[in-house]
Amino acid sequence: MSGDRLLVPVANPETADRLLDTAIDVARDRDLEILVLHVVGVPMQLSLEQARRSMDVEEGESVVEYAVDRTRQRDVSVTGRVRFGRDVAGSVLSVAEQEDVETILLGWRGRPRRRDVILGSYIDEVLANAPCDVLVKRIDREGGDVSSVLVPVAGGPHTEYAAEIAGSLARGQGASVELVTVVSPDADEEAVADGRSLLTRTSPALGAVESVGETVLRGDDVVETIVDRSRDHDVTIIGAAENGLLRRVLVGSVPQAVGREADGAVVMAKRHQGLPKALWRRLRDRL
């Protein structure tokens, strides 16, 4: 087991269950330790020290203990922590900076977008400032067994990361994977061939998966076409758009819309574009 960790902030047993469904498969396949975190919000009138002495943390301790026990039953390394903080996002980012966190897995309830908020103020802040990869899983619907995974392919590091995570889930669940890309209904053979080439270049990121399909779909509307295809799958994993590298965009309009509208579970994947973690650790260890 390496020192790398998958950070999973949890609020209650329901969200913990939905997140752990994904976290356990990813952690086992990528050789990560799960770090379960519950943040106790501290009002401004209290100091953090006063909060530690006076605030009731039984509920938070209970959900962390539940998540840790469930993870250990699946034979995955795990630790749990309750942290006091002024805001959830700041606490999550602080833990990600302090610990050897490779990936943060956040839960999202798929609420409609407001003008000033993309996925949610807490999620937006983590997406914009995380020092590591981020996965956002929609948890507003019932989970279940996973027999097939859909990966929309648009190219770039976020799509490749989405394929890597899809491979982890497929191996953990014994599921098939379908890679799809969308071209216009009147696309010529050259455009279709380019689409097939993109799928073929992305496929190795899955790793060893028993059943992989590659499909070029024709459609006027990219989101509508992907959402329609999602009805044939249990999970859709979609990478952030390339302009999602910009802080103000975060994940991009197509992933946001697919995240809200697709059938089954949805995971949005955003790869950190800073110094690679492995290189950063080597440089750090030399200091």
Protein backbone atom coordinates (compact mmCIF):
# COMPACT_ATOMS: atom_id res chain seq x y z
CA MET A 1 0.00 0.00 0.00
CA SER A 2 1.38 3.37 -1.01
CA GLY A 3 0.92 6.50 1.07
CA ASP A 4 -1.60 7.95 -1.40
CA ARG A 5 -5.15 8.57 -0.22
CA LEU A 6 -8.64 8.97 -1.57
CA LEU A 7 -10.38 11.65 0.50
CA VAL A 8 -14.14 11.11 0.96
CA PRO A 9 -16.01 13.87 2.85
CA VAL A 10 -19.26 12.50 4.32
CA ALA A 11 -22.25 14.17 5.97
CA ASN A 12 -24.62 11.29 6.81
CA PRO A 13 -24.90 7.50 6.36
CA GLU A 14 -26.93 7.83 3.14
CA THR A 15 -24.35 9.93 1.33
CA ALA A 16 -21.56 7.80 2.82
CA ASP A 17 -23.11 4.65 1.33
CA ARG A 18 -23.45 6.17 -2.15
CA LEU A 19 -19.91 7.54 -2.16
CA LEU A 20 -18.34 4.38 -0.76
CA ASP A 21 -19.91 2.35 -3.58
CA THR A 22 -17.50 4.16 -5.89
CA ALA A 23 -14.65 4.91 -3.48
CA ILE A 24 -14.03 1.28 -2.56
CA ASP A 25 -13.68 0.14 -6.18
CA VAL A 26 -11.41 3.07 -7.06
CA ALA A 27 -9.25 2.72 -3.94
CA ARG A 28 -8.76 -1.02 -4.33
CA ASP A 29 -7.89 -0.79 -8.01
CA ARG A 30 -5.56 2.21 -7.67
CA ASP A 31 -3.93 1.06 -4.42
CA LEU A 32 -5.20 3.97 -2.33
CA GLU A 33 -6.11 4.31 1.32
CA ILE A 34 -9.53 5.87 1.90
CA LEU A 35 -9.63 8.83 4.27
CA VAL A 36 -13.19 9.46 5.48
CA LEU A 37 -13.73 13.03 6.68
CA HIS A 38 -16.63 14.68 8.47
CA VAL A 39 -16.43 18.46 8.93
CA VAL A 40 -18.16 20.09 11.90
CA GLY A 41 -19.00 23.67 10.97
CA VAL A 42 -17.96 26.17 13.65
CA PRO A 43 -19.91 29.46 13.93
CA MET A 44 -17.87 32.67 13.90
CA GLN A 45 -18.74 33.50 17.52
CA LEU A 46 -16.84 30.42 18.71
CA SER A 47 -13.13 29.83 18.54
CA LEU A 48 -12.07 26.44 17.22
CA GLU A 49 -10.81 25.53 20.69
CA GLN A 50 -14.16 26.48 22.25
CA ALA A 51 -15.92 24.40 19.60
CA ARG A 52 -13.84 21.33 20.41
CA ARG A 53 -14.81 21.66 24.06
CA SER A 54 -18.49 22.48 23.66
CA MET A 55 -19.93 21.24 20.36
CA ASP A 56 -21.61 17.86 20.05
CA VAL A 57 -19.72 15.70 17.55
CA GLU A 58 -21.50 12.42 18.24
CA GLU A 59 -23.35 12.48 14.91
CA GLY A 60 -20.18 13.17 12.95
CA GLU A 61 -18.22 10.50 14.80
CA SER A 62 -21.04 8.05 14.17
CA VAL A 63 -21.09 8.56 10.38
CA VAL A 64 -17.30 8.31 10.18
CA GLU A 65 -17.30 5.11 12.24
CA TYR A 66 -20.04 3.70 10.00
CA ALA A 67 -18.09 4.49 6.83
CA VAL A 68 -14.84 3.12 8.24
CA ASP A 69 -16.46 -0.13 9.36
CA ARG A 70 -18.16 -0.63 6.00
CA THR A 71 -14.91 -0.02 4.13
CA ARG A 72 -12.94 -2.43 6.30
CA GLN A 73 -15.53 -5.11 5.63
CA ARG A 74 -14.54 -4.78 1.95
CA ASP A 75 -10.88 -5.28 2.89
CA VAL A 76 -9.77 -1.77 1.89
CA SER A 77 -7.40 0.29 4.03
CA VAL A 78 -9.21 3.22 5.65
CA THR A 79 -8.89 5.87 8.34
CA GLY A 80 -11.50 8.32 9.63
CA ARG A 81 -11.38 11.83 10.98
CA VAL A 82 -13.71 14.48 12.38
CA ARG A 83 -12.46 18.02 11.81
CA PHE A 84 -13.68 21.38 13.10
CA GLY A 85 -13.70 24.21 10.57
CA ARG A 86 -15.30 27.49 9.56
CA ASP A 87 -16.48 26.05 6.25
CA VAL A 88 -16.58 22.61 4.67
CA ALA A 89 -14.69 23.45 1.50
CA GLY A 90 -11.83 25.12 3.33
CA SER A 91 -11.48 22.16 5.66
CA VAL A 92 -11.53 19.64 2.80
CA LEU A 93 -8.87 21.60 0.91
CA SER A 94 -6.74 21.91 4.04
CA VAL A 95 -6.82 18.16 4.64
CA ALA A 96 -6.02 17.51 0.96
CA GLU A 97 -2.98 19.80 1.26
CA GLN A 98 -1.75 18.31 4.53
CA GLU A 99 -2.26 14.64 3.70
CA ASP A 100 -1.02 12.58 0.78
CA VAL A 101 -4.34 12.92 -1.06
CA GLU A 102 -4.36 11.81 -4.71
CA THR A 103 -8.09 12.18 -5.28
CA ILE A 104 -11.10 13.83 -3.62
CA LEU A 105 -14.51 12.19 -4.13
CA LEU A 106 -17.42 14.57 -3.52
CA GLY A 107 -21.14 13.88 -3.39
CA TRP A 108 -23.56 16.10 -5.34
CA ARG A 109 -27.35 16.04 -5.24
CA GLY A 110 -27.83 17.30 -8.78
CA ARG A 111 -29.76 20.43 -7.85
CA PRO A 112 -30.57 22.94 -10.60
CA ARG A 113 -27.89 25.50 -11.30
CA ARG A 114 -28.18 29.01 -9.86
CA ARG A 115 -26.72 32.00 -11.63
CA ASP A 116 -23.77 32.34 -9.25
CA VAL A 117 -23.22 28.64 -8.44
CA ILE A 118 -22.27 25.81 -10.82
CA LEU A 119 -22.66 22.55 -8.84
CA GLY A 120 -22.81 23.97 -5.31
CA SER A 121 -20.77 26.59 -3.47
CA TYR A 122 -18.78 23.98 -1.50
CA ILE A 123 -18.17 21.74 -4.54
CA ASP A 124 -17.29 24.72 -6.75
CA GLU A 125 -14.63 25.89 -4.32
CA VAL A 126 -13.06 22.44 -4.07
CA LEU A 127 -13.08 22.01 -7.87
CA ALA A 128 -11.44 25.40 -8.34
CA ASN A 129 -8.72 25.00 -5.71
CA ALA A 130 -8.04 21.30 -5.10
CA PRO A 131 -4.35 20.32 -5.20
CA CYS A 132 -5.28 16.93 -6.65
CA ASP A 133 -7.72 15.09 -8.93
CA VAL A 134 -11.43 15.51 -8.13
CA LEU A 135 -14.40 13.21 -8.72
CA VAL A 136 -17.96 14.46 -8.24
CA LYS A 137 -20.67 11.79 -7.95
CA ARG A 138 -24.38 12.58 -8.25
CA ILE A 139 -26.05 10.92 -5.28
CA ASP A 140 -29.69 11.94 -5.71
CA ARG A 141 -30.79 8.53 -7.01
CA GLU A 142 -30.71 4.99 -5.67
CA GLY A 143 -27.54 3.05 -6.27
CA GLY A 144 -27.33 -0.59 -7.27
CA ASP A 145 -25.23 -3.17 -9.05
CA VAL A 146 -23.08 -1.93 -11.90
CA SER A 147 -22.97 -4.10 -15.02
CA SER A 148 -22.16 -1.43 -17.63
CA VAL A 149 -20.33 1.90 -17.67
CA LEU A 150 -20.63 4.67 -20.27
CA VAL A 151 -17.71 7.01 -20.98
CA PRO A 152 -18.35 9.97 -23.32
CA VAL A 153 -15.06 10.80 -25.07
CA ALA A 154 -14.02 14.30 -26.13
CA GLY A 155 -10.24 14.00 -25.84
CA GLY A 156 -7.79 15.58 -23.39
CA PRO A 157 -6.56 14.72 -19.88
CA HIS A 158 -9.97 14.85 -18.22
CA THR A 159 -11.43 12.33 -20.66
CA GLU A 160 -8.43 10.06 -20.11
CA TYR A 161 -8.89 10.34 -16.36
CA ALA A 162 -12.59 9.50 -16.71
CA ALA A 163 -11.59 6.38 -18.66
CA GLU A 164 -9.11 5.39 -15.94
CA ILE A 165 -11.83 5.65 -13.28
CA ALA A 166 -14.25 3.74 -15.51
CA GLY A 167 -11.68 0.96 -15.76
CA SER A 168 -11.38 0.83 -11.97
CA LEU A 169 -15.16 0.53 -11.56
CA ALA A 170 -15.43 -2.05 -14.33
CA ARG A 171 -12.78 -4.27 -12.75
CA GLY A 172 -14.33 -3.91 -9.31
CA GLN A 173 -17.84 -4.70 -10.53
CA GLY A 174 -17.10 -7.08 -13.41
CA ALA A 175 -18.78 -4.54 -15.69
CA SER A 176 -18.48 -3.75 -19.39
CA VAL A 177 -17.49 -0.30 -20.69
CA GLU A 178 -18.73 1.58 -23.74
CA LEU A 179 -16.70 4.52 -25.04
CA VAL A 180 -18.76 6.91 -27.18
CA THR A 181 -18.14 10.11 -29.08
CA VAL A 182 -20.70 12.25 -30.88
CA VAL A 183 -20.54 13.59 -34.45
CA SER A 184 -23.17 15.54 -36.39
CA PRO A 185 -25.84 13.62 -38.32
CA ASP A 186 -24.33 14.73 -41.64
CA ALA A 187 -20.69 14.06 -40.69
CA ASP A 188 -18.65 12.66 -43.59
CA GLU A 189 -16.58 9.49 -43.44
CA GLU A 190 -13.44 11.41 -42.52
CA ALA A 191 -15.14 12.89 -39.43
CA VAL A 192 -16.47 9.49 -38.43
CA ALA A 193 -12.99 7.98 -38.89
CA ASP A 194 -11.56 10.74 -36.67
CA GLY A 195 -14.15 9.83 -34.04
CA ARG A 196 -13.18 6.17 -34.19
CA SER A 197 -9.51 7.12 -33.90
CA LEU A 198 -10.25 9.22 -30.81
CA LEU A 199 -12.00 6.26 -29.17
CA THR A 200 -9.13 3.92 -30.04
CA ARG A 201 -6.60 6.34 -28.54
CA THR A 202 -8.64 6.63 -25.34
CA SER A 203 -9.27 2.91 -24.85
CA PRO A 204 -5.83 2.06 -23.34
CA ALA A 205 -6.58 4.38 -20.39
CA LEU A 206 -9.21 1.86 -19.26
CA GLY A 207 -6.59 -0.76 -18.52
CA ALA A 208 -7.57 -4.42 -18.57
CA VAL A 209 -11.36 -4.60 -18.95
CA GLU A 210 -13.09 -7.75 -20.13
CA SER A 211 -15.62 -6.11 -22.46
CA VAL A 212 -15.09 -2.74 -24.18
CA GLY A 213 -17.23 -1.21 -26.92
CA GLU A 214 -16.35 1.82 -29.04
CA THR A 215 -19.24 3.66 -30.70
CA VAL A 216 -19.46 6.80 -32.82
CA LEU A 217 -22.92 8.29 -32.29
CA ARG A 218 -24.63 10.73 -34.63
CA GLY A 219 -26.69 13.51 -33.09
CA ASP A 220 -27.58 17.19 -33.40
CA ASP A 221 -27.30 17.76 -29.65
CA VAL A 222 -24.29 16.30 -27.81
CA VAL A 223 -25.93 16.33 -24.37
CA GLU A 224 -29.21 14.84 -25.58
CA THR A 225 -27.36 12.10 -27.48
CA ILE A 226 -25.24 11.13 -24.46
CA VAL A 227 -28.21 11.25 -22.08
CA ASP A 228 -30.18 8.99 -24.41
CA ARG A 229 -27.29 6.50 -24.51
CA SER A 230 -26.98 6.60 -20.71
CA ARG A 231 -30.32 4.77 -20.44
CA ASP A 232 -28.49 1.61 -21.53
CA HIS A 233 -25.92 1.87 -18.71
CA ASP A 234 -25.75 1.89 -14.92
CA VAL A 235 -23.05 4.56 -14.56
CA THR A 236 -21.86 7.42 -16.76
CA ILE A 237 -18.37 8.78 -16.14
CA ILE A 238 -17.58 12.01 -17.96
CA GLY A 239 -14.44 14.14 -17.91
CA ALA A 240 -14.46 17.88 -17.46
CA ALA A 241 -14.38 19.92 -20.65
CA GLU A 242 -11.00 21.28 -21.67
CA ASN A 243 -12.13 24.82 -20.82
CA GLY A 244 -12.97 23.35 -17.41
CA LEU A 245 -9.35 24.05 -16.58
CA LEU A 246 -10.36 27.66 -16.12
CA ARG A 247 -11.46 28.41 -12.59
CA ARG A 248 -14.60 30.25 -13.67
CA VAL A 249 -15.76 27.31 -15.84
CA LEU A 250 -14.84 24.46 -13.46
CA VAL A 251 -16.15 21.45 -15.40
CA GLY A 252 -17.77 22.77 -18.59
CA SER A 253 -21.36 23.00 -19.82
CA VAL A 254 -21.68 19.54 -21.41
CA PRO A 255 -20.45 17.59 -18.34
CA GLN A 256 -22.70 19.71 -16.11
CA ALA A 257 -25.75 19.01 -18.25
CA VAL A 258 -24.97 15.30 -18.56
CA GLY A 259 -24.38 15.19 -14.81
CA ARG A 260 -27.86 16.56 -14.19
CA GLU A 261 -29.82 14.69 -16.84
CA ALA A 262 -28.22 11.27 -17.42
CA ASP A 263 -29.91 8.12 -16.19
CA GLY A 264 -28.30 6.04 -13.45
CA ALA A 265 -25.30 7.22 -11.46
CA VAL A 266 -23.03 9.94 -12.85
CA VAL A 267 -19.43 10.73 -11.96
CA MET A 268 -17.69 13.85 -13.27
CA ALA A 269 -13.89 13.60 -13.37
CA LYS A 270 -11.41 16.47 -13.28
CA ARG A 271 -7.69 15.79 -13.46
CA HIS A 272 -5.38 18.14 -11.58
CA GLN A 273 -3.27 20.11 -14.05
CA GLY A 274 -0.49 21.15 -11.70
CA LEU A 275 2.75 19.35 -10.92
CA PRO A 276 2.14 15.57 -11.01
CA LYS A 277 1.78 14.14 -7.48
CA ALA A 278 4.52 11.54 -7.93
CA LEU A 279 7.02 14.19 -9.10
CA TRP A 280 5.91 16.60 -6.37
CA ARG A 281 6.54 13.93 -3.71
CA ARG A 282 10.01 13.21 -5.07
CA LEU A 283 10.89 16.91 -5.01
CA ARG A 284 9.40 17.30 -1.52
CA ASP A 285 11.38 14.35 -0.15
CA ARG A 286 14.64 15.90 -1.34
CA LEU A 287 14.06 19.11 0.63
